[in-house]
Full PDB file with SEQRES, HELIX, SHEET, SSBOND, CRYST1, ORIGX, SCALE, CONECT and MASTER records, all heavy atoms in Angstrom:
SEQRES   1 A   35  SER MET ALA ALA LEU GLY ASP HIS THR GLY PRO THR ILE          
SEQRES   2 A   35  LEU ASP LEU THR ASP LEU THR LEU VAL GLY GLY GLU LEU          
SEQRES   3 A   35  ASP ARG PHE ILE GLY ARG LEU ILE ASP                          
HELIX    1 AA1 LEU A   26  ILE A   34  1                                   9    
CRYST1    1.000    1.000    1.000  90.00  90.00  90.00 P 1           1          
ORIGX1      1.000000  0.000000  0.000000        0.00000                         
ORIGX2      0.000000  1.000000  0.000000        0.00000                         
ORIGX3      0.000000  0.000000  1.000000        0.00000                         
SCALE1      1.000000  0.000000  0.000000        0.00000                         
SCALE2      0.000000  1.000000  0.000000        0.00000                         
SCALE3      0.000000  0.000000  1.000000        0.00000                         
ATOM      1  N   SER A   1     104.682  93.322  93.502  1.00  0.00           N  
ATOM      2  CA  SER A   1     104.196  92.656  94.748  1.00  0.00           C  
ATOM      3  C   SER A   1     103.360  93.605  95.494  1.00  0.00           C  
ATOM      4  O   SER A   1     102.318  93.093  96.150  1.00  0.00           O  
ATOM      5  CB  SER A   1     105.456  92.168  95.547  1.00  0.00           C  
ATOM      6  OG  SER A   1     106.177  91.198  94.824  1.00  0.00           O  
ATOM      7  N   MET A   2     103.739  94.855  95.575  1.00  0.00           N  
ATOM      8  CA  MET A   2     102.953  95.768  96.434  1.00  0.00           C  
ATOM      9  C   MET A   2     101.500  95.905  95.791  1.00  0.00           C  
ATOM     10  O   MET A   2     100.492  95.886  96.529  1.00  0.00           O  
ATOM     11  CB  MET A   2     103.607  97.151  96.441  1.00  0.00           C  
ATOM     12  CG  MET A   2     103.016  98.120  97.342  1.00  0.00           C  
ATOM     13  SD  MET A   2     103.112  97.484  99.102  1.00  0.00           S  
ATOM     14  CE  MET A   2     101.720  98.334  99.818  1.00  0.00           C  
ATOM     15  N   ALA A   3     101.476  96.039  94.468  1.00  0.00           N  
ATOM     16  CA  ALA A   3     100.230  96.119  93.797  1.00  0.00           C  
ATOM     17  C   ALA A   3      99.285  94.900  93.935  1.00  0.00           C  
ATOM     18  O   ALA A   3      98.215  94.942  94.025  1.00  0.00           O  
ATOM     19  CB  ALA A   3     100.353  96.415  92.282  1.00  0.00           C  
ATOM     20  N   ALA A   4      99.934  93.716  94.045  1.00  0.00           N  
ATOM     21  CA  ALA A   4      99.224  92.496  94.240  1.00  0.00           C  
ATOM     22  C   ALA A   4      98.720  92.091  95.608  1.00  0.00           C  
ATOM     23  O   ALA A   4      97.903  91.315  95.796  1.00  0.00           O  
ATOM     24  CB  ALA A   4     100.016  91.323  93.706  1.00  0.00           C  
ATOM     25  N   LEU A   5      99.259  92.896  96.604  1.00  0.00           N  
ATOM     26  CA  LEU A   5      98.780  92.586  98.008  1.00  0.00           C  
ATOM     27  C   LEU A   5      97.357  92.924  98.113  1.00  0.00           C  
ATOM     28  O   LEU A   5      96.858  93.944  97.727  1.00  0.00           O  
ATOM     29  CB  LEU A   5      99.600  93.399  98.976  1.00  0.00           C  
ATOM     30  CG  LEU A   5     101.127  92.953  99.103  1.00  0.00           C  
ATOM     31  CD1 LEU A   5     101.790  93.952 100.123  1.00  0.00           C  
ATOM     32  CD2 LEU A   5     101.243  91.502  99.554  1.00  0.00           C  
ATOM     33  N   GLY A   6      96.641  92.032  98.910  1.00  0.00           N  
ATOM     34  CA  GLY A   6      95.312  92.317  99.215  1.00  0.00           C  
ATOM     35  C   GLY A   6      95.201  93.401 100.219  1.00  0.00           C  
ATOM     36  O   GLY A   6      96.103  93.817 100.955  1.00  0.00           O  
ATOM     37  N   ASP A   7      94.029  93.977 100.442  1.00  0.00           N  
ATOM     38  CA  ASP A   7      93.618  94.934 101.516  1.00  0.00           C  
ATOM     39  C   ASP A   7      93.824  94.280 102.846  1.00  0.00           C  
ATOM     40  O   ASP A   7      93.219  93.265 103.080  1.00  0.00           O  
ATOM     41  CB  ASP A   7      92.376  95.563 101.266  1.00  0.00           C  
ATOM     42  CG  ASP A   7      92.322  96.414 100.034  1.00  0.00           C  
ATOM     43  OD1 ASP A   7      93.373  96.880  99.584  1.00  0.00           O  
ATOM     44  OD2 ASP A   7      91.190  96.593  99.506  1.00  0.00           O  
ATOM     45  N   HIS A   8      94.467  94.957 103.699  1.00  0.00           N  
ATOM     46  CA  HIS A   8      94.495  94.553 105.138  1.00  0.00           C  
ATOM     47  C   HIS A   8      94.973  95.622 105.909  1.00  0.00           C  
ATOM     48  O   HIS A   8      96.004  96.308 105.678  1.00  0.00           O  
ATOM     49  CB  HIS A   8      95.590  93.390 105.260  1.00  0.00           C  
ATOM     50  CG  HIS A   8      95.746  92.852 106.630  1.00  0.00           C  
ATOM     51  ND1 HIS A   8      94.858  92.016 107.132  1.00  0.00           N  
ATOM     52  CD2 HIS A   8      96.690  93.042 107.602  1.00  0.00           C  
ATOM     53  CE1 HIS A   8      95.240  91.696 108.344  1.00  0.00           C  
ATOM     54  NE2 HIS A   8      96.386  92.356 108.665  1.00  0.00           N  
ATOM     55  N   THR A   9      94.189  96.058 106.830  1.00  0.00           N  
ATOM     56  CA  THR A   9      94.495  97.201 107.700  1.00  0.00           C  
ATOM     57  C   THR A   9      95.078  96.837 109.016  1.00  0.00           C  
ATOM     58  O   THR A   9      95.583  97.656 109.778  1.00  0.00           O  
ATOM     59  CB  THR A   9      93.171  98.054 108.041  1.00  0.00           C  
ATOM     60  OG1 THR A   9      92.259  97.202 108.664  1.00  0.00           O  
ATOM     61  CG2 THR A   9      92.672  98.575 106.738  1.00  0.00           C  
ATOM     62  N   GLY A  10      95.097  95.547 109.313  1.00  0.00           N  
ATOM     63  CA  GLY A  10      95.738  95.130 110.648  1.00  0.00           C  
ATOM     64  C   GLY A  10      97.228  94.931 110.583  1.00  0.00           C  
ATOM     65  O   GLY A  10      97.871  95.360 109.595  1.00  0.00           O  
ATOM     66  N   PRO A  11      97.816  94.365 111.483  1.00  0.00           N  
ATOM     67  CA  PRO A  11      99.294  94.133 111.621  1.00  0.00           C  
ATOM     68  C   PRO A  11      99.794  93.310 110.420  1.00  0.00           C  
ATOM     69  O   PRO A  11      99.115  92.399 110.037  1.00  0.00           O  
ATOM     70  CB  PRO A  11      99.588  93.466 112.890  1.00  0.00           C  
ATOM     71  CG  PRO A  11      98.357  93.634 113.643  1.00  0.00           C  
ATOM     72  CD  PRO A  11      97.235  93.843 112.770  1.00  0.00           C  
ATOM     73  N   THR A  12     100.970  93.704 109.945  1.00  0.00           N  
ATOM     74  CA  THR A  12     101.485  92.933 108.808  1.00  0.00           C  
ATOM     75  C   THR A  12     103.070  92.750 109.084  1.00  0.00           C  
ATOM     76  O   THR A  12     103.733  93.634 109.491  1.00  0.00           O  
ATOM     77  CB  THR A  12     101.420  93.840 107.563  1.00  0.00           C  
ATOM     78  OG1 THR A  12     100.067  93.946 107.231  1.00  0.00           O  
ATOM     79  CG2 THR A  12     102.134  93.139 106.329  1.00  0.00           C  
ATOM     80  N   ILE A  13     103.435  91.512 108.800  1.00  0.00           N  
ATOM     81  CA  ILE A  13     104.909  91.163 108.901  1.00  0.00           C  
ATOM     82  C   ILE A  13     105.310  90.961 107.521  1.00  0.00           C  
ATOM     83  O   ILE A  13     104.826  90.190 106.617  1.00  0.00           O  
ATOM     84  CB  ILE A  13     105.031  89.795 109.634  1.00  0.00           C  
ATOM     85  CG1 ILE A  13     104.604  89.940 111.044  1.00  0.00           C  
ATOM     86  CG2 ILE A  13     106.470  89.257 109.619  1.00  0.00           C  
ATOM     87  CD1 ILE A  13     104.507  88.566 111.852  1.00  0.00           C  
ATOM     88  N   LEU A  14     106.423  91.639 107.155  1.00  0.00           N  
ATOM     89  CA  LEU A  14     107.085  91.563 105.807  1.00  0.00           C  
ATOM     90  C   LEU A  14     108.264  90.599 105.961  1.00  0.00           C  
ATOM     91  O   LEU A  14     109.264  90.906 106.687  1.00  0.00           O  
ATOM     92  CB  LEU A  14     107.492  92.846 105.312  1.00  0.00           C  
ATOM     93  CG  LEU A  14     108.255  92.825 104.012  1.00  0.00           C  
ATOM     94  CD1 LEU A  14     107.395  92.238 102.831  1.00  0.00           C  
ATOM     95  CD2 LEU A  14     108.638  94.215 103.562  1.00  0.00           C  
ATOM     96  N   ASP A  15     108.149  89.405 105.514  1.00  0.00           N  
ATOM     97  CA  ASP A  15     109.189  88.369 105.729  1.00  0.00           C  
ATOM     98  C   ASP A  15     110.230  88.321 104.571  1.00  0.00           C  
ATOM     99  O   ASP A  15     109.964  87.942 103.401  1.00  0.00           O  
ATOM    100  CB  ASP A  15     108.480  86.933 105.850  1.00  0.00           C  
ATOM    101  CG  ASP A  15     109.495  85.820 106.105  1.00  0.00           C  
ATOM    102  OD1 ASP A  15     110.764  86.077 106.400  1.00  0.00           O  
ATOM    103  OD2 ASP A  15     109.167  84.666 106.001  1.00  0.00           O  
ATOM    104  N   LEU A  16     111.401  88.809 104.785  1.00  0.00           N  
ATOM    105  CA  LEU A  16     112.420  88.796 103.687  1.00  0.00           C  
ATOM    106  C   LEU A  16     113.395  87.759 103.930  1.00  0.00           C  
ATOM    107  O   LEU A  16     114.620  87.814 103.345  1.00  0.00           O  
ATOM    108  CB  LEU A  16     113.121  90.213 103.844  1.00  0.00           C  
ATOM    109  CG  LEU A  16     112.224  91.436 103.685  1.00  0.00           C  
ATOM    110  CD1 LEU A  16     113.073  92.659 103.808  1.00  0.00           C  
ATOM    111  CD2 LEU A  16     111.431  91.390 102.366  1.00  0.00           C  
ATOM    112  N   THR A  17     113.169  86.706 104.727  1.00  0.00           N  
ATOM    113  CA  THR A  17     114.121  85.754 105.103  1.00  0.00           C  
ATOM    114  C   THR A  17     114.723  85.055 103.844  1.00  0.00           C  
ATOM    115  O   THR A  17     115.898  84.734 103.858  1.00  0.00           O  
ATOM    116  CB  THR A  17     113.477  84.579 105.925  1.00  0.00           C  
ATOM    117  OG1 THR A  17     112.925  85.278 107.119  1.00  0.00           O  
ATOM    118  CG2 THR A  17     114.380  83.497 106.310  1.00  0.00           C  
ATOM    119  N   ASP A  18     113.991  84.767 102.808  1.00  0.00           N  
ATOM    120  CA  ASP A  18     114.461  84.121 101.563  1.00  0.00           C  
ATOM    121  C   ASP A  18     114.489  84.993 100.458  1.00  0.00           C  
ATOM    122  O   ASP A  18     114.249  84.492  99.315  1.00  0.00           O  
ATOM    123  CB  ASP A  18     113.477  82.881 101.341  1.00  0.00           C  
ATOM    124  CG  ASP A  18     113.559  81.871 102.490  1.00  0.00           C  
ATOM    125  OD1 ASP A  18     114.677  81.593 102.992  1.00  0.00           O  
ATOM    126  OD2 ASP A  18     112.513  81.368 102.896  1.00  0.00           O  
ATOM    127  N   LEU A  19     114.692  86.246 100.577  1.00  0.00           N  
ATOM    128  CA  LEU A  19     114.711  87.215  99.455  1.00  0.00           C  
ATOM    129  C   LEU A  19     116.069  87.810  99.272  1.00  0.00           C  
ATOM    130  O   LEU A  19     116.812  88.062 100.193  1.00  0.00           O  
ATOM    131  CB  LEU A  19     113.769  88.427  99.752  1.00  0.00           C  
ATOM    132  CG  LEU A  19     113.711  89.411  98.715  1.00  0.00           C  
ATOM    133  CD1 LEU A  19     113.008  88.914  97.464  1.00  0.00           C  
ATOM    134  CD2 LEU A  19     112.968  90.673  99.203  1.00  0.00           C  
ATOM    135  N   THR A  20     116.510  87.826  98.052  1.00  0.00           N  
ATOM    136  CA  THR A  20     117.733  88.583  97.637  1.00  0.00           C  
ATOM    137  C   THR A  20     117.300  89.837  96.898  1.00  0.00           C  
ATOM    138  O   THR A  20     116.557  89.735  95.930  1.00  0.00           O  
ATOM    139  CB  THR A  20     118.553  87.628  96.700  1.00  0.00           C  
ATOM    140  OG1 THR A  20     118.852  86.455  97.369  1.00  0.00           O  
ATOM    141  CG2 THR A  20     119.868  88.396  96.250  1.00  0.00           C  
ATOM    142  N   LEU A  21     117.755  90.967  97.453  1.00  0.00           N  
ATOM    143  CA  LEU A  21     117.372  92.263  96.779  1.00  0.00           C  
ATOM    144  C   LEU A  21     118.410  92.710  95.831  1.00  0.00           C  
ATOM    145  O   LEU A  21     119.600  92.572  96.122  1.00  0.00           O  
ATOM    146  CB  LEU A  21     117.258  93.272  97.901  1.00  0.00           C  
ATOM    147  CG  LEU A  21     116.110  93.045  98.829  1.00  0.00           C  
ATOM    148  CD1 LEU A  21     116.222  94.062  99.979  1.00  0.00           C  
ATOM    149  CD2 LEU A  21     114.789  93.308  98.177  1.00  0.00           C  
ATOM    150  N   VAL A  22     117.930  93.073  94.713  1.00  0.00           N  
ATOM    151  CA  VAL A  22     118.923  93.739  93.737  1.00  0.00           C  
ATOM    152  C   VAL A  22     118.496  95.075  93.240  1.00  0.00           C  
ATOM    153  O   VAL A  22     118.789  95.648  92.210  1.00  0.00           O  
ATOM    154  CB  VAL A  22     119.068  92.836  92.430  1.00  0.00           C  
ATOM    155  CG1 VAL A  22     119.754  91.514  92.820  1.00  0.00           C  
ATOM    156  CG2 VAL A  22     117.690  92.495  91.754  1.00  0.00           C  
ATOM    157  N   GLY A  23     117.603  95.753  94.030  1.00  0.00           N  
ATOM    158  CA  GLY A  23     117.096  97.093  93.624  1.00  0.00           C  
ATOM    159  C   GLY A  23     117.007  97.933  94.884  1.00  0.00           C  
ATOM    160  O   GLY A  23     117.285  97.535  96.080  1.00  0.00           O  
ATOM    161  N   GLY A  24     116.696  99.193  94.721  1.00  0.00           N  
ATOM    162  CA  GLY A  24     116.751 100.157  95.793  1.00  0.00           C  
ATOM    163  C   GLY A  24     115.229 100.565  96.307  1.00  0.00           C  
ATOM    164  O   GLY A  24     115.144 101.557  97.017  1.00  0.00           O  
ATOM    165  N   GLU A  25     114.236  99.850  95.938  1.00  0.00           N  
ATOM    166  CA  GLU A  25     112.803 100.221  96.152  1.00  0.00           C  
ATOM    167  C   GLU A  25     112.355  99.653  97.571  1.00  0.00           C  
ATOM    168  O   GLU A  25     111.141  99.970  97.803  1.00  0.00           O  
ATOM    169  CB  GLU A  25     111.861  99.798  95.033  1.00  0.00           C  
ATOM    170  CG  GLU A  25     112.046 100.558  93.823  1.00  0.00           C  
ATOM    171  CD  GLU A  25     111.503 101.848  93.840  1.00  0.00           C  
ATOM    172  OE1 GLU A  25     110.406 102.078  94.367  1.00  0.00           O  
ATOM    173  OE2 GLU A  25     112.166 102.879  93.316  1.00  0.00           O  
ATOM    174  N   LEU A  26     113.094  99.007  98.364  1.00  0.00           N  
ATOM    175  CA  LEU A  26     112.653  98.386  99.559  1.00  0.00           C  
ATOM    176  C   LEU A  26     112.010  99.486 100.546  1.00  0.00           C  
ATOM    177  O   LEU A  26     110.940  99.233 101.088  1.00  0.00           O  
ATOM    178  CB  LEU A  26     113.712  97.636 100.267  1.00  0.00           C  
ATOM    179  CG  LEU A  26     113.324  96.869 101.467  1.00  0.00           C  
ATOM    180  CD1 LEU A  26     112.324  95.888 101.164  1.00  0.00           C  
ATOM    181  CD2 LEU A  26     114.503  96.306 102.169  1.00  0.00           C  
ATOM    182  N   ASP A  27     112.731 100.608 100.671  1.00  0.00           N  
ATOM    183  CA  ASP A  27     112.186 101.573 101.490  1.00  0.00           C  
ATOM    184  C   ASP A  27     110.830 102.074 101.114  1.00  0.00           C  
ATOM    185  O   ASP A  27     109.853 102.136 101.947  1.00  0.00           O  
ATOM    186  CB  ASP A  27     113.148 102.800 101.721  1.00  0.00           C  
ATOM    187  CG  ASP A  27     112.683 103.745 102.817  1.00  0.00           C  
ATOM    188  OD1 ASP A  27     112.284 103.316 103.868  1.00  0.00           O  
ATOM    189  OD2 ASP A  27     112.801 104.941 102.531  1.00  0.00           O  
ATOM    190  N   ARG A  28     110.580 102.299  99.886  1.00  0.00           N  
ATOM    191  CA  ARG A  28     109.300 102.753  99.412  1.00  0.00           C  
ATOM    192  C   ARG A  28     108.193 101.632  99.578  1.00  0.00           C  
ATOM    193  O   ARG A  28     107.075 101.910  99.938  1.00  0.00           O  
ATOM    194  CB  ARG A  28     109.441 103.130  97.862  1.00  0.00           C  
ATOM    195  CG  ARG A  28     108.002 103.535  97.327  1.00  0.00           C  
ATOM    196  CD  ARG A  28     108.196 104.076  95.959  1.00  0.00           C  
ATOM    197  NE  ARG A  28     108.965 105.255  96.026  1.00  0.00           N  
ATOM    198  CZ  ARG A  28     109.668 105.764  94.983  1.00  0.00           C  
ATOM    199  NH1 ARG A  28     109.762 105.143  93.850  1.00  0.00           N  
ATOM    200  NH2 ARG A  28     110.279 106.899  95.057  1.00  0.00           N  
ATOM    201  N   PHE A  29     108.591 100.393  99.255  1.00  0.00           N  
ATOM    202  CA  PHE A  29     107.649  99.217  99.494  1.00  0.00           C  
ATOM    203  C   PHE A  29     107.244  99.177 100.964  1.00  0.00           C  
ATOM    204  O   PHE A  29     106.023  99.058 101.306  1.00  0.00           O  
ATOM    205  CB  PHE A  29     108.447  97.962  99.196  1.00  0.00           C  
ATOM    206  CG  PHE A  29     107.602  96.686  99.203  1.00  0.00           C  
ATOM    207  CD1 PHE A  29     106.849  96.259  98.074  1.00  0.00           C  
ATOM    208  CD2 PHE A  29     107.583  95.963 100.311  1.00  0.00           C  
ATOM    209  CE1 PHE A  29     106.071  95.097  98.132  1.00  0.00           C  
ATOM    210  CE2 PHE A  29     106.707  94.826 100.352  1.00  0.00           C  
ATOM    211  CZ  PHE A  29     106.045  94.439  99.272  1.00  0.00           C  
ATOM    212  N   ILE A  30     108.255  99.290 101.906  1.00  0.00           N  
ATOM    213  CA  ILE A  30     107.840  99.268 103.396  1.00  0.00           C  
ATOM    214  C   ILE A  30     107.049 100.500 103.761  1.00  0.00           C  
ATOM    215  O   ILE A  30     106.108 100.359 104.499  1.00  0.00           O  
ATOM    216  CB  ILE A  30     109.193  99.106 104.230  1.00  0.00           C  
ATOM    217  CG1 ILE A  30     109.800  97.698 103.898  1.00  0.00           C  
ATOM    218  CG2 ILE A  30     108.924  99.307 105.642  1.00  0.00           C  
ATOM    219  CD1 ILE A  30     111.153  97.561 104.648  1.00  0.00           C  
ATOM    220  N   GLY A  31     107.372 101.600 103.114  1.00  0.00           N  
ATOM    221  CA  GLY A  31     106.663 102.863 103.506  1.00  0.00           C  
ATOM    222  C   GLY A  31     105.192 102.740 103.030  1.00  0.00           C  
ATOM    223  O   GLY A  31     104.242 103.090 103.796  1.00  0.00           O  
ATOM    224  N   ARG A  32     104.954 102.135 101.896  1.00  0.00           N  
ATOM    225  CA  ARG A  32     103.565 101.824 101.482  1.00  0.00           C  
ATOM    226  C   ARG A  32     102.748 100.923 102.433  1.00  0.00           C  
ATOM    227  O   ARG A  32     101.578 101.114 102.658  1.00  0.00           O  
ATOM    228  CB  ARG A  32     103.529 101.400 100.061  1.00  0.00           C  
ATOM    229  CG  ARG A  32     103.928 102.578  99.042  1.00  0.00           C  
ATOM    230  CD  ARG A  32     103.722 102.240  97.613  1.00  0.00           C  
ATOM    231  NE  ARG A  32     102.310 101.998  97.366  1.00  0.00           N  
ATOM    232  CZ  ARG A  32     101.873 101.381  96.236  1.00  0.00           C  
ATOM    233  NH1 ARG A  32     102.781 100.895  95.412  1.00  0.00           N  
ATOM    234  NH2 ARG A  32     100.624 101.120  96.049  1.00  0.00           N  
ATOM    235  N   LEU A  33     103.538  99.966 102.895  1.00  0.00           N  
ATOM    236  CA  LEU A  33     102.902  98.981 103.826  1.00  0.00           C  
ATOM    237  C   LEU A  33     102.569  99.752 105.220  1.00  0.00           C  
ATOM    238  O   LEU A  33     101.477  99.607 105.706  1.00  0.00           O  
ATOM    239  CB  LEU A  33     103.838  97.820 104.201  1.00  0.00           C  
ATOM    240  CG  LEU A  33     103.882  96.725 103.200  1.00  0.00           C  
ATOM    241  CD1 LEU A  33     104.861  95.697 103.663  1.00  0.00           C  
ATOM    242  CD2 LEU A  33     102.504  96.082 103.039  1.00  0.00           C  
ATOM    243  N   ILE A  34     103.540 100.595 105.624  1.00  0.00           N  
ATOM    244  CA  ILE A  34     103.255 101.321 106.864  1.00  0.00           C  
ATOM    245  C   ILE A  34     102.119 102.257 106.663  1.00  0.00           C  
ATOM    246  O   ILE A  34     101.312 102.431 107.606  1.00  0.00           O  
ATOM    247  CB  ILE A  34     104.566 102.159 107.223  1.00  0.00           C  
ATOM    248  CG1 ILE A  34     105.681 101.184 107.703  1.00  0.00           C  
ATOM    249  CG2 ILE A  34     104.280 103.113 108.255  1.00  0.00           C  
ATOM    250  CD1 ILE A  34     106.984 101.796 107.852  1.00  0.00           C  
ATOM    251  N   ASP A  35     101.983 102.895 105.515  1.00  0.00           N  
ATOM    252  CA  ASP A  35     100.889 103.865 105.284  1.00  0.00           C  
ATOM    253  C   ASP A  35      99.447 103.114 105.275  1.00  0.00           C  
ATOM    254  O   ASP A  35      98.442 103.688 105.550  1.00  0.00           O  
ATOM    255  CB  ASP A  35     101.064 104.585 104.018  1.00  0.00           C  
ATOM    256  CG  ASP A  35     102.235 105.541 104.135  1.00  0.00           C  
ATOM    257  OD1 ASP A  35     102.658 105.915 105.197  1.00  0.00           O  
ATOM    258  OD2 ASP A  35     102.780 106.033 103.080  1.00  0.00           O  
TER     259      ASP A  35                                                      
MASTER        0    0    0    1    0    0    0    6  258    1    0    3          
END                                                                             
């Protein structure tokens, strides 16, 4: 998902409302968005 995201330098909302997580990579995913 992170690799598929388009380039965007403005504000980003990560909507996890309908997501079920089964892994531990969420912090890294959010960190890459923040960067």
